[in-house]
């Protein structure tokens, strides 16, 4: 009797909850994808641009659709998952600004035998609210009342992005990767944006290369060839670097930003993975050599360095470690977790839950980010839950799903096997073991130091703020602790690199740079000096100076 009453009351509450009825009102083909409805208390602008991962985010609800035909309607009822509110049933009655977006999936027939439905990048860097080809409704002011359906219609399509044009100094290269195309069963491209020296078009010299690892696209920190219109410090520094670059005050080299978004994130992390495929090999064996061929790179390890921050910081260190003979040195700024004992606030191997530290009766949430005043930016649970609403099976395009796709194995259906359960936060020990064996950089160095130590000596350089916004400093300390032991007798060759920790500095600390010196100006000089010191006897050290 009581069970029947509970079921009756639950059914009644769902029936009384707000409902969204979304009509596919554009195109002629059936669509697969993730339907996202954004409910905003901000009556200005488009709700699709008002979703963030902090306190100011607006509400989202999500539902998978398969074979959705034009003219048909999909309904979201009270049980539809959401974030921050967990279900649509929890949405209070009121006046809202509402918009629907369909993140369109395509079907991939991968070489491993799995058929997957995923959203390929279209030049925007895996941004569901901006991706060309995605469908959306016009913003609509609506009254949400218990049980009353709200009708929305997908009438518009996000247009393609115009490709940027080459300039005298900025050139672009796009290469179809044979390795990735074979893995995905569809044409896959990797790209590079190359900043060439001032006399590139009139000279014949060959140049050293600094590969900058960044999020999708990169722009050389706002590199600009004209003065800023307004007093903007970032733009002013970028223009100062342009003046340094073109005036003859700097050594001549190639600066290269690579772009290699996957169906899971705006960056592949630059390594071979079970879920995204052989991106490490595609970059080092296909894209980088083509950059050096077309733009007259020297093409020797001593004349290649790699650098980057955050995601790019992890990728920088990983590429140096996984390809120890390819690069001559790596500068990783504020890298993503390099030791999974300190995966932000999670001990991947010792904790049983990614969301909470649990005691006999009390539990405390695990934090994901902090402001300089130590106020909380987000918790692991809130961040992960939002991603699970934006996309099931690792398809949100977000940071946590990027970690799952990069560091983890595939599940039985070929999608990323997640380290933790999106609903409960429970950590899966078998996946944790896979992470340790494949992508924990400190664990890898500990296992392989006798083999790779000499090949990495002098090449690893890390900077990190002691008050990193995303709690990344603890992992960097653990890597340093191991590498410092290599100076002791019997621990293998000394790593002879460097770690610099900025006291109370946040994300992304790149080291102490003299006032008034643009970051790239500083590091171009650092890289050039390093190359001159480490170059083999007889190497050309003059023509590019």
Protein backbone atom coordinates (compact mmCIF):
# COMPACT_ATOMS: atom_id res chain seq x y z
CA UNK A 1 0.00 0.00 0.00
CA UNK A 2 2.74 2.46 1.00
CA UNK A 3 4.83 1.57 -2.08
CA UNK A 4 1.86 2.08 -4.36
CA UNK A 5 1.14 5.45 -2.74
CA UNK A 6 4.77 6.54 -3.18
CA UNK A 7 4.73 5.58 -6.86
CA UNK A 8 1.44 7.44 -7.30
CA UNK A 9 2.78 10.59 -5.62
CA UNK A 10 6.02 10.47 -7.64
CA UNK A 11 4.13 10.05 -10.89
CA UNK A 12 1.91 12.94 -9.93
CA UNK A 13 4.85 15.22 -9.15
CA UNK A 14 6.46 14.47 -12.52
CA UNK A 15 3.19 15.07 -14.32
CA UNK A 16 2.81 18.44 -12.57
CA UNK A 17 6.36 19.54 -13.37
CA UNK A 18 7.26 21.93 -16.13
CA UNK A 19 7.59 20.41 -19.59
CA UNK A 20 9.47 21.55 -22.67
CA UNK A 21 8.29 20.48 -26.11
CA UNK A 22 10.97 21.11 -28.72
CA UNK A 23 10.18 20.86 -32.41
CA UNK A 24 12.82 20.22 -35.06
CA UNK A 25 11.80 22.91 -37.52
CA UNK A 26 14.73 23.07 -39.91
CA UNK A 27 16.56 20.85 -42.40
CA UNK A 28 15.45 17.76 -44.29
CA UNK A 29 17.44 14.97 -42.65
CA UNK A 30 16.97 13.12 -39.38
CA UNK A 31 19.37 14.17 -36.63
CA UNK A 32 21.25 12.52 -33.78
CA UNK A 33 22.62 14.52 -30.90
CA UNK A 34 22.19 16.01 -27.47
CA UNK A 35 19.25 18.35 -27.00
CA UNK A 36 20.04 21.03 -24.43
CA UNK A 37 17.50 23.48 -23.05
CA UNK A 38 18.90 26.49 -21.19
CA UNK A 39 16.67 28.22 -18.66
CA UNK A 40 17.96 31.64 -17.65
CA UNK A 41 16.92 34.25 -15.11
CA UNK A 42 18.80 36.80 -17.21
CA UNK A 43 16.26 38.28 -19.61
CA UNK A 44 18.93 39.84 -21.80
CA UNK A 45 20.90 38.06 -24.52
CA UNK A 46 20.97 34.40 -25.53
CA UNK A 47 20.82 31.81 -22.73
CA UNK A 48 23.17 29.47 -24.65
CA UNK A 49 25.99 31.91 -23.88
CA UNK A 50 25.12 32.13 -20.17
CA UNK A 51 26.16 28.64 -19.11
CA UNK A 52 29.36 28.52 -17.07
CA UNK A 53 30.68 26.33 -14.25
CA UNK A 54 30.53 28.85 -11.40
CA UNK A 55 27.84 30.35 -9.23
CA UNK A 56 26.61 32.57 -12.07
CA UNK A 57 25.69 29.72 -14.41
CA UNK A 58 22.14 29.40 -15.66
CA UNK A 59 20.18 26.14 -15.61
CA UNK A 60 20.48 23.43 -18.28
CA UNK A 61 18.54 20.27 -19.05
CA UNK A 62 19.68 17.59 -21.51
CA UNK A 63 18.32 14.65 -23.48
CA UNK A 64 19.79 12.36 -26.16
CA UNK A 65 17.93 12.17 -29.47
CA UNK A 66 18.38 9.58 -32.22
CA UNK A 67 16.89 9.81 -35.68
CA UNK A 68 14.96 12.99 -34.85
CA UNK A 69 12.96 13.85 -37.94
CA UNK A 70 12.11 17.39 -39.07
CA UNK A 71 8.61 18.30 -37.96
CA UNK A 72 8.68 15.96 -34.95
CA UNK A 73 8.62 17.11 -31.34
CA UNK A 74 10.77 15.91 -28.42
CA UNK A 75 9.44 16.40 -24.91
CA UNK A 76 11.43 16.96 -21.74
CA UNK A 77 9.42 16.02 -18.65
CA UNK A 78 10.03 16.26 -14.93
CA UNK A 79 12.52 13.38 -14.92
CA UNK A 80 14.87 15.02 -17.44
CA UNK A 81 18.32 15.47 -15.87
CA UNK A 82 19.65 18.95 -15.27
CA UNK A 83 22.31 21.06 -13.61
CA UNK A 84 22.55 22.74 -11.17
CA UNK A 85 18.98 21.57 -10.40
CA UNK A 86 19.12 17.79 -10.79
CA UNK A 87 15.86 17.34 -12.69
CA UNK A 88 13.29 19.42 -14.51
CA UNK A 89 10.84 18.60 -11.71
CA UNK A 90 12.84 20.93 -9.46
CA UNK A 91 12.43 24.01 -11.66
CA UNK A 92 10.29 26.54 -9.76
CA UNK A 93 7.42 28.28 -11.57
CA UNK A 94 8.39 31.69 -12.88
CA UNK A 95 9.37 33.84 -15.83
CA UNK A 96 12.50 32.74 -17.69
CA UNK A 97 14.52 33.38 -20.82
CA UNK A 98 14.68 29.97 -22.53
CA UNK A 99 16.60 28.61 -25.51
CA UNK A 100 17.15 25.14 -26.99
CA UNK A 101 20.29 23.90 -28.75
CA UNK A 102 20.91 20.60 -30.54
CA UNK A 103 24.55 19.53 -30.40
CA UNK A 104 24.58 17.43 -33.57
CA UNK A 105 26.33 14.05 -33.61
CA UNK A 106 27.86 12.25 -36.56
CA UNK A 107 28.46 8.51 -36.84
CA UNK A 108 32.03 7.20 -36.81
CA UNK A 109 33.01 3.65 -37.76
CA UNK A 110 36.31 3.26 -35.96
CA UNK A 111 39.09 0.87 -36.84
CA UNK A 112 38.65 -0.92 -33.49
CA UNK A 113 35.23 -2.12 -34.65
CA UNK A 114 33.13 0.33 -32.62
CA UNK A 115 30.46 2.54 -34.14
CA UNK A 116 30.08 5.78 -32.18
CA UNK A 117 27.88 8.86 -32.36
CA UNK A 118 29.95 11.93 -31.49
CA UNK A 119 30.19 15.63 -32.21
CA UNK A 120 33.17 16.42 -34.46
CA UNK A 121 34.82 19.79 -34.09
CA UNK A 122 33.99 22.32 -36.80
CA UNK A 123 36.68 24.90 -36.12
CA UNK A 124 35.29 26.26 -32.86
CA UNK A 125 37.12 24.07 -30.36
CA UNK A 126 34.30 21.79 -29.12
CA UNK A 127 31.96 24.58 -27.97
CA UNK A 128 28.41 23.20 -28.15
CA UNK A 129 26.86 26.67 -28.05
CA UNK A 130 28.98 27.97 -30.97
CA UNK A 131 29.68 24.94 -33.14
CA UNK A 132 28.83 25.40 -36.84
CA UNK A 133 25.99 23.13 -37.93
CA UNK A 134 24.36 22.97 -34.50
CA UNK A 135 20.71 23.97 -34.38
CA UNK A 136 19.11 26.42 -31.97
CA UNK A 137 15.90 28.22 -31.16
CA UNK A 138 15.47 31.94 -30.77
CA UNK A 139 15.55 33.14 -27.14
CA UNK A 140 12.04 33.11 -25.77
CA UNK A 141 10.56 34.75 -22.66
CA UNK A 142 8.23 32.17 -21.16
CA UNK A 143 6.07 31.59 -18.13
CA UNK A 144 6.86 28.23 -16.56
CA UNK A 145 3.89 26.81 -14.66
CA UNK A 146 3.35 23.38 -13.15
CA UNK A 147 2.27 20.99 -15.86
CA UNK A 148 1.98 23.57 -18.63
CA UNK A 149 4.07 22.67 -21.71
CA UNK A 150 6.51 25.25 -23.09
CA UNK A 151 6.88 25.05 -26.87
CA UNK A 152 10.26 25.73 -28.50
CA UNK A 153 11.33 25.33 -32.12
CA UNK A 154 14.81 24.75 -33.54
CA UNK A 155 14.71 27.17 -36.47
CA UNK A 156 18.28 28.38 -36.87
CA UNK A 157 21.66 26.85 -37.73
CA UNK A 158 25.01 28.14 -36.49
CA UNK A 159 26.93 29.24 -39.61
CA UNK A 160 30.42 28.10 -40.60
CA UNK A 161 33.45 29.93 -39.28
CA UNK A 162 35.39 31.89 -41.87
CA UNK A 163 38.96 30.57 -41.90
CA UNK A 164 41.52 33.21 -40.89
CA UNK A 165 43.70 34.61 -43.63
CA UNK A 166 47.48 34.41 -43.71
CA UNK A 167 49.47 37.57 -43.10
CA UNK A 168 53.10 38.50 -43.64
CA UNK A 169 54.04 36.87 -40.34
CA UNK A 170 51.25 34.40 -39.52
CA UNK A 171 50.85 31.38 -41.82
CA UNK A 172 48.59 28.35 -41.50
CA UNK A 173 48.99 24.71 -42.43
CA UNK A 174 46.34 21.97 -42.50
CA UNK A 175 47.32 18.32 -42.94
CA UNK A 176 45.11 15.26 -43.26
CA UNK A 177 46.50 12.69 -40.87
CA UNK A 178 46.73 9.24 -42.38
CA UNK A 179 47.08 7.69 -38.91
CA UNK A 180 44.00 9.40 -37.46
CA UNK A 181 41.94 8.93 -40.61
CA UNK A 182 42.56 5.19 -40.44
CA UNK A 183 41.63 5.11 -36.74
CA UNK A 184 38.38 7.10 -37.08
CA UNK A 185 37.27 5.86 -40.48
CA UNK A 186 36.73 9.48 -41.57
CA UNK A 187 39.09 12.23 -42.77
CA UNK A 188 40.81 13.80 -39.75
CA UNK A 189 42.96 16.92 -40.02
CA UNK A 190 45.58 18.46 -37.76
CA UNK A 191 46.60 22.08 -38.11
CA UNK A 192 49.37 24.49 -37.29
CA UNK A 193 49.61 28.26 -37.10
CA UNK A 194 53.18 29.36 -37.78
CA UNK A 195 54.75 32.68 -36.83
CA UNK A 196 57.61 33.19 -39.27
CA UNK A 197 60.70 35.40 -38.80
CA UNK A 198 60.92 38.89 -40.28
CA UNK A 199 63.04 37.85 -43.28
CA UNK A 200 61.41 34.49 -43.97
CA UNK A 201 60.25 35.32 -47.50
CA UNK A 202 63.57 36.78 -48.62
CA UNK A 203 66.00 34.43 -46.86
CA UNK A 204 67.03 30.82 -47.26
CA UNK A 205 68.06 30.10 -43.68
CA UNK A 206 66.70 27.20 -41.66
CA UNK A 207 65.28 27.94 -38.24
CA UNK A 208 64.84 26.31 -34.85
CA UNK A 209 61.25 25.73 -33.76
CA UNK A 210 59.35 26.37 -30.53
CA UNK A 211 56.08 24.40 -30.46
CA UNK A 212 53.45 26.11 -28.30
CA UNK A 213 50.84 23.76 -26.85
CA UNK A 214 47.57 25.51 -26.07
CA UNK A 215 43.84 25.09 -26.26
CA UNK A 216 42.26 24.92 -29.69
CA UNK A 217 43.64 27.34 -32.24
CA UNK A 218 45.88 29.50 -30.13
CA UNK A 219 46.81 33.01 -31.16
CA UNK A 220 50.33 33.55 -29.80
CA UNK A 221 48.81 35.32 -26.81
CA UNK A 222 46.93 37.80 -28.96
CA UNK A 223 49.75 38.48 -31.44
CA UNK A 224 48.78 41.61 -33.32
CA UNK A 225 50.46 43.54 -36.11
CA UNK A 226 48.74 46.88 -35.38
CA UNK A 227 48.63 49.03 -32.24
CA UNK A 228 45.56 48.54 -30.00
CA UNK A 229 42.75 51.05 -30.38
CA UNK A 230 42.22 51.36 -26.63
CA UNK A 231 44.56 51.11 -23.62
CA UNK A 232 44.30 47.33 -23.20
CA UNK A 233 47.35 45.93 -21.32
CA UNK A 234 47.16 42.49 -22.96
CA UNK A 235 46.89 43.94 -26.46
CA UNK A 236 49.62 46.46 -25.74
CA UNK A 237 51.99 43.67 -24.65
CA UNK A 238 51.07 41.63 -27.74
CA UNK A 239 51.89 44.60 -29.95
CA UNK A 240 55.16 45.12 -28.10
CA UNK A 241 56.07 41.50 -28.85
CA UNK A 242 55.27 42.13 -32.53
CA UNK A 243 57.69 45.05 -32.48
CA UNK A 244 60.36 42.92 -30.80
CA UNK A 245 59.75 40.09 -33.28
CA UNK A 246 60.06 42.25 -36.38
CA UNK A 247 62.76 44.71 -35.31
CA UNK A 248 65.77 42.42 -35.11
CA UNK A 249 65.95 42.46 -31.32
CA UNK A 250 65.11 38.75 -31.09
CA UNK A 251 66.72 35.56 -32.43
CA UNK A 252 64.90 34.24 -35.48
CA UNK A 253 62.94 31.05 -35.10
CA UNK A 254 59.56 29.54 -35.92
CA UNK A 255 56.83 29.74 -33.29
CA UNK A 256 54.15 27.13 -33.92
CA UNK A 257 50.72 26.68 -32.32
CA UNK A 258 49.08 23.35 -33.14
CA UNK A 259 45.33 22.66 -33.32
CA UNK A 260 44.04 19.12 -32.88
CA UNK A 261 40.57 19.02 -31.40
CA UNK A 262 38.98 15.59 -30.95
CA UNK A 263 35.32 14.60 -30.67
CA UNK A 264 35.85 14.79 -26.89
CA UNK A 265 37.70 18.07 -26.33
CA UNK A 266 39.36 21.08 -27.92
CA UNK A 267 42.77 19.41 -27.52
CA UNK A 268 43.98 15.82 -27.90
CA UNK A 269 46.56 16.14 -25.11
CA UNK A 270 49.13 15.16 -27.73
CA UNK A 271 49.46 11.48 -26.86
CA UNK A 272 48.19 8.20 -28.28
CA UNK A 273 45.00 7.14 -26.52
CA UNK A 274 42.44 4.36 -26.71
CA UNK A 275 39.54 6.79 -27.19
CA UNK A 276 40.91 9.50 -29.50
CA UNK A 277 43.54 7.55 -31.38
CA UNK A 278 47.24 8.08 -32.22
CA UNK A 279 47.44 11.85 -31.86
CA UNK A 280 50.96 11.72 -30.42
CA UNK A 281 52.24 9.92 -33.48
CA UNK A 282 50.15 12.07 -35.83
CA UNK A 283 51.78 15.21 -34.46
CA UNK A 284 55.38 14.03 -34.21
CA UNK A 285 55.41 11.92 -37.38
CA UNK A 286 53.07 13.88 -39.66
CA UNK A 287 52.32 17.48 -38.66
CA UNK A 288 55.58 18.65 -37.05
CA UNK A 289 57.79 17.26 -39.85
CA UNK A 290 55.55 18.94 -42.43
CA UNK A 291 55.84 22.26 -40.58
CA UNK A 292 59.63 21.95 -40.63
CA UNK A 293 59.64 20.95 -44.30
CA UNK A 294 57.41 23.79 -45.52
CA UNK A 295 58.83 26.50 -43.28
CA UNK A 296 62.52 25.57 -43.34
CA UNK A 297 62.92 24.18 -39.87
CA UNK A 298 66.35 22.85 -38.92
CA UNK A 299 64.72 19.51 -38.20
CA UNK A 300 67.03 18.35 -35.41
CA UNK A 301 66.08 17.59 -31.78
CA UNK A 302 68.39 20.27 -30.34
CA UNK A 303 66.54 22.83 -32.47
CA UNK A 304 63.07 21.89 -31.18
CA UNK A 305 61.55 22.92 -27.87
CA UNK A 306 58.00 22.56 -26.65
CA UNK A 307 56.15 24.80 -24.19
CA UNK A 308 52.66 25.58 -22.95
CA UNK A 309 50.43 26.14 -19.96
CA UNK A 310 47.60 24.29 -18.19
CA UNK A 311 46.33 21.65 -20.64
CA UNK A 312 49.23 22.73 -22.83
CA UNK A 313 51.56 22.37 -19.83
CA UNK A 314 50.60 18.72 -19.37
CA UNK A 315 50.87 18.10 -23.10
CA UNK A 316 54.29 19.78 -23.16
CA UNK A 317 55.68 17.48 -20.48
CA UNK A 318 53.93 14.40 -21.87
CA UNK A 319 55.28 14.91 -25.38
CA UNK A 320 58.80 15.36 -24.03
CA UNK A 321 58.45 12.23 -21.88
CA UNK A 322 56.70 10.02 -24.43
CA UNK A 323 59.03 11.20 -27.22
CA UNK A 324 62.25 11.83 -25.26
CA UNK A 325 64.51 12.03 -28.31
CA UNK A 326 62.27 14.25 -30.46
CA UNK A 327 62.43 17.48 -28.46
CA UNK A 328 65.45 19.19 -26.98
CA UNK A 329 63.60 20.66 -24.00
CA UNK A 330 60.16 21.27 -22.48
CA UNK A 331 58.77 24.17 -20.44
CA UNK A 332 55.48 23.17 -18.82
CA UNK A 333 53.64 26.02 -17.11
CA UNK A 334 50.98 25.17 -14.50
CA UNK A 335 50.41 21.72 -16.05
CA UNK A 336 47.26 19.67 -15.53
CA UNK A 337 47.80 16.89 -12.94
CA UNK A 338 51.17 15.23 -13.49
CA UNK A 339 50.71 12.85 -10.53
CA UNK A 340 47.33 11.21 -9.99
CA UNK A 341 47.87 10.95 -6.25
CA UNK A 342 46.99 14.65 -6.45
CA UNK A 343 44.47 14.82 -9.26
CA UNK A 344 43.33 18.28 -8.18
CA UNK A 345 41.63 17.38 -4.88
CA UNK A 346 41.32 13.64 -5.65
CA UNK A 347 43.75 10.87 -4.78
CA UNK A 348 42.88 8.60 -7.68
CA UNK A 349 44.46 5.58 -5.97
CA UNK A 350 43.51 6.14 -2.33
CA UNK A 351 40.06 7.71 -2.52
CA UNK A 352 36.87 5.80 -3.18
CA UNK A 353 34.81 8.83 -4.21
CA UNK A 354 35.63 11.74 -6.49
CA UNK A 355 33.01 14.06 -5.00
CA UNK A 356 33.39 13.72 -1.24
CA UNK A 357 35.79 12.92 1.55
CA UNK A 358 33.69 10.61 3.72
CA UNK A 359 33.97 10.02 7.47
CA UNK A 360 31.86 7.84 9.77
CA UNK A 361 29.04 10.40 9.74
CA UNK A 362 30.34 13.60 8.13
CA UNK A 363 31.41 14.24 4.58
CA UNK A 364 33.05 17.23 2.90
CA UNK A 365 32.90 18.11 -0.80
CA UNK A 366 36.02 17.93 -2.94
CA UNK A 367 36.82 21.29 -4.50
CA UNK A 368 37.72 21.91 -8.12
CA UNK A 369 38.70 25.56 -8.18
CA UNK A 370 39.31 28.59 -5.98
CA UNK A 371 39.54 32.34 -6.39
CA UNK A 372 42.59 34.31 -5.14
CA UNK A 373 40.63 35.09 -1.96
CA UNK A 374 40.07 31.32 -1.48
CA UNK A 375 36.36 31.46 -2.25
CA UNK A 376 35.17 28.33 -4.05
CA UNK A 377 34.85 28.42 -7.83
CA UNK A 378 33.30 24.97 -8.21
CA UNK A 379 33.17 21.52 -6.69
CA UNK A 380 34.06 18.30 -8.44
CA UNK A 381 30.43 17.19 -8.21
CA UNK A 382 28.91 20.36 -9.65
CA UNK A 383 31.42 20.45 -12.50
CA UNK A 384 31.02 16.78 -13.40
CA UNK A 385 27.25 16.84 -13.10
CA UNK A 386 27.00 19.75 -15.53
CA UNK A 387 29.13 17.84 -18.03
CA UNK A 388 26.92 14.75 -17.71
CA UNK A 389 23.91 16.90 -18.64
CA UNK A 390 25.69 18.49 -21.60
CA UNK A 391 26.60 15.06 -22.94
CA UNK A 392 26.28 11.43 -21.87
CA UNK A 393 29.07 8.87 -22.39
CA UNK A 394 31.85 11.46 -22.24
CA UNK A 395 30.39 13.64 -24.99
CA UNK A 396 30.13 17.00 -23.20
CA UNK A 397 33.28 18.46 -24.74
CA UNK A 398 34.27 19.51 -21.21
CA UNK A 399 37.39 19.22 -19.09
CA UNK A 400 36.52 16.21 -16.92
CA UNK A 401 35.28 14.25 -19.91
CA UNK A 402 38.55 15.16 -21.64
CA UNK A 403 40.43 13.55 -18.76
CA UNK A 404 38.27 10.41 -18.93
CA UNK A 405 38.77 10.16 -22.70
CA UNK A 406 42.52 10.80 -22.56
CA UNK A 407 43.61 8.82 -19.53
CA UNK A 408 41.06 5.99 -19.55
CA UNK A 409 40.26 2.89 -21.60
CA UNK A 410 37.14 2.38 -23.73
CA UNK A 411 34.01 0.80 -22.34
CA UNK A 412 32.30 -2.21 -23.92
CA UNK A 413 30.60 0.02 -26.50
CA UNK A 414 33.71 2.00 -27.40
CA UNK A 415 32.97 5.18 -25.45
CA UNK A 416 35.34 6.42 -22.71
CA UNK A 417 35.26 4.31 -19.54
CA UNK A 418 34.94 6.95 -16.83
CA UNK A 419 37.08 6.97 -13.72
CA UNK A 420 34.09 7.84 -11.56
CA UNK A 421 30.34 7.46 -11.73
CA UNK A 422 28.77 10.74 -12.87
CA UNK A 423 25.83 10.41 -10.48
CA UNK A 424 27.51 9.17 -7.30
CA UNK A 425 31.20 10.00 -7.75
CA UNK A 426 32.23 6.41 -6.93
CA UNK A 427 35.73 5.72 -8.30
CA UNK A 428 36.26 2.58 -10.38
CA UNK A 429 39.54 0.93 -9.23
CA UNK A 430 40.14 -0.87 -12.53
CA UNK A 431 40.04 2.42 -14.42
CA UNK A 432 42.30 4.03 -11.81
CA UNK A 433 44.83 1.27 -12.44
CA UNK A 434 44.70 1.99 -16.18
CA UNK A 435 45.31 5.70 -15.54
CA UNK A 436 48.38 4.88 -13.44
CA UNK A 437 49.84 2.43 -15.93
CA UNK A 438 49.44 4.71 -18.94
CA UNK A 439 49.29 8.45 -18.19
CA UNK A 440 50.43 9.24 -14.64
CA UNK A 441 53.58 11.12 -15.70
CA UNK A 442 55.32 10.83 -12.34
CA UNK A 443 54.59 7.12 -12.09
CA UNK A 444 55.86 6.69 -15.64
CA UNK A 445 59.11 8.49 -14.81
CA UNK A 446 59.55 6.38 -11.69
CA UNK A 447 59.13 3.13 -13.64
CA UNK A 448 61.16 4.15 -16.68
CA UNK A 449 63.87 6.43 -15.30
CA UNK A 450 66.70 3.94 -15.76
CA UNK A 451 65.71 3.70 -19.43
CA UNK A 452 64.83 7.31 -20.28
CA UNK A 453 66.69 9.35 -17.65
CA UNK A 454 69.72 10.14 -19.78
CA UNK A 455 67.47 11.05 -22.72
CA UNK A 456 65.53 13.53 -20.55
CA UNK A 457 68.44 15.04 -18.63
CA UNK A 458 68.21 18.83 -18.62
CA UNK A 459 64.97 18.87 -20.61
CA UNK A 460 62.19 19.09 -17.99
CA UNK A 461 61.29 22.57 -16.73
CA UNK A 462 58.13 23.26 -14.71
CA UNK A 463 56.64 26.44 -13.24
CA UNK A 464 53.67 26.48 -10.90
CA UNK A 465 51.99 28.87 -8.49
CA UNK A 466 51.72 27.62 -4.92
CA UNK A 467 48.11 28.80 -4.93
CA UNK A 468 47.08 27.34 -8.25
CA UNK A 469 43.45 28.10 -9.03
CA UNK A 470 42.72 24.43 -9.79
CA UNK A 471 44.85 22.83 -7.05
CA UNK A 472 47.47 21.63 -9.53
CA UNK A 473 50.48 22.56 -7.38
CA UNK A 474 50.41 19.42 -5.21
CA UNK A 475 50.94 17.15 -8.23
CA UNK A 476 53.84 19.29 -9.46
CA UNK A 477 55.46 19.06 -6.02
CA UNK A 478 55.19 15.27 -6.14
CA UNK A 479 56.89 15.14 -9.54
CA UNK A 480 59.66 17.40 -8.27
CA UNK A 481 60.14 15.25 -5.18
CA UNK A 482 60.81 12.21 -7.34
CA UNK A 483 63.06 13.98 -9.83
CA UNK A 484 65.10 15.51 -7.01
CA UNK A 485 65.90 11.98 -5.79
CA UNK A 486 67.68 11.30 -9.09
CA UNK A 487 70.61 13.33 -7.78
CA UNK A 488 71.20 10.68 -5.14
CA UNK A 489 73.59 7.80 -5.78
CA UNK A 490 71.89 4.75 -7.26
CA UNK A 491 68.77 6.61 -8.45
CA UNK A 492 69.85 6.81 -12.07
CA UNK A 493 71.01 9.89 -13.99
CA UNK A 494 70.23 13.30 -12.48
CA UNK A 495 67.32 14.99 -14.25
CA UNK A 496 69.14 18.36 -14.25
CA UNK A 497 66.00 20.33 -15.07
CA UNK A 498 64.16 22.92 -13.01
CA UNK A 499 61.04 23.59 -10.96
CA UNK A 500 59.99 27.12 -10.07
CA UNK A 501 57.12 27.73 -7.63
CA UNK A 502 55.68 31.22 -7.39
CA UNK A 503 54.64 32.02 -3.85
CA UNK A 504 50.85 32.51 -3.69
CA UNK A 505 50.68 32.75 -7.50
CA UNK A 506 47.49 31.44 -9.18
CA UNK A 507 46.90 29.62 -12.47
CA UNK A 508 48.74 30.14 -14.83
CA UNK A 509 52.12 31.17 -13.40
CA UNK A 510 54.93 31.11 -15.98
CA UNK A 511 57.83 32.26 -13.84
CA UNK A 512 59.23 35.63 -12.83
CA UNK A 513 59.60 37.80 -15.94
CA UNK A 514 61.08 41.31 -15.74
CA UNK A 515 58.48 44.07 -15.75
CA UNK A 516 57.64 45.41 -19.17
CA UNK A 517 58.93 42.35 -21.04
CA UNK A 518 56.31 40.40 -23.03
CA UNK A 519 56.19 36.75 -22.07
CA UNK A 520 57.04 35.54 -25.57
CA UNK A 521 59.92 37.99 -25.86
CA UNK A 522 61.34 36.56 -22.65
CA UNK A 523 60.98 32.94 -23.66
CA UNK A 524 62.23 33.33 -27.22
CA UNK A 525 65.48 34.53 -25.65
CA UNK A 526 65.41 31.70 -23.10
CA UNK A 527 64.86 29.07 -25.79
CA UNK A 528 67.55 30.47 -28.07
CA UNK A 529 70.11 30.51 -25.27
CA UNK A 530 69.18 26.96 -24.29
CA UNK A 531 69.54 25.73 -27.87
CA UNK A 532 72.96 27.31 -28.22
CA UNK A 533 74.09 25.59 -25.02
CA UNK A 534 72.78 22.14 -25.95
CA UNK A 535 73.47 22.08 -29.70
CA UNK A 536 75.96 19.45 -30.93
CA UNK A 537 79.38 20.46 -32.16
CA UNK A 538 79.25 21.85 -35.68
CA UNK A 539 75.58 22.92 -35.56
CA UNK A 540 74.65 26.18 -37.26
CA UNK A 541 74.22 28.67 -34.42
CA UNK A 542 74.79 31.88 -36.34
CA UNK A 543 72.46 32.23 -39.32
CA UNK A 544 69.29 32.43 -37.21
CA UNK A 545 70.75 34.74 -34.52
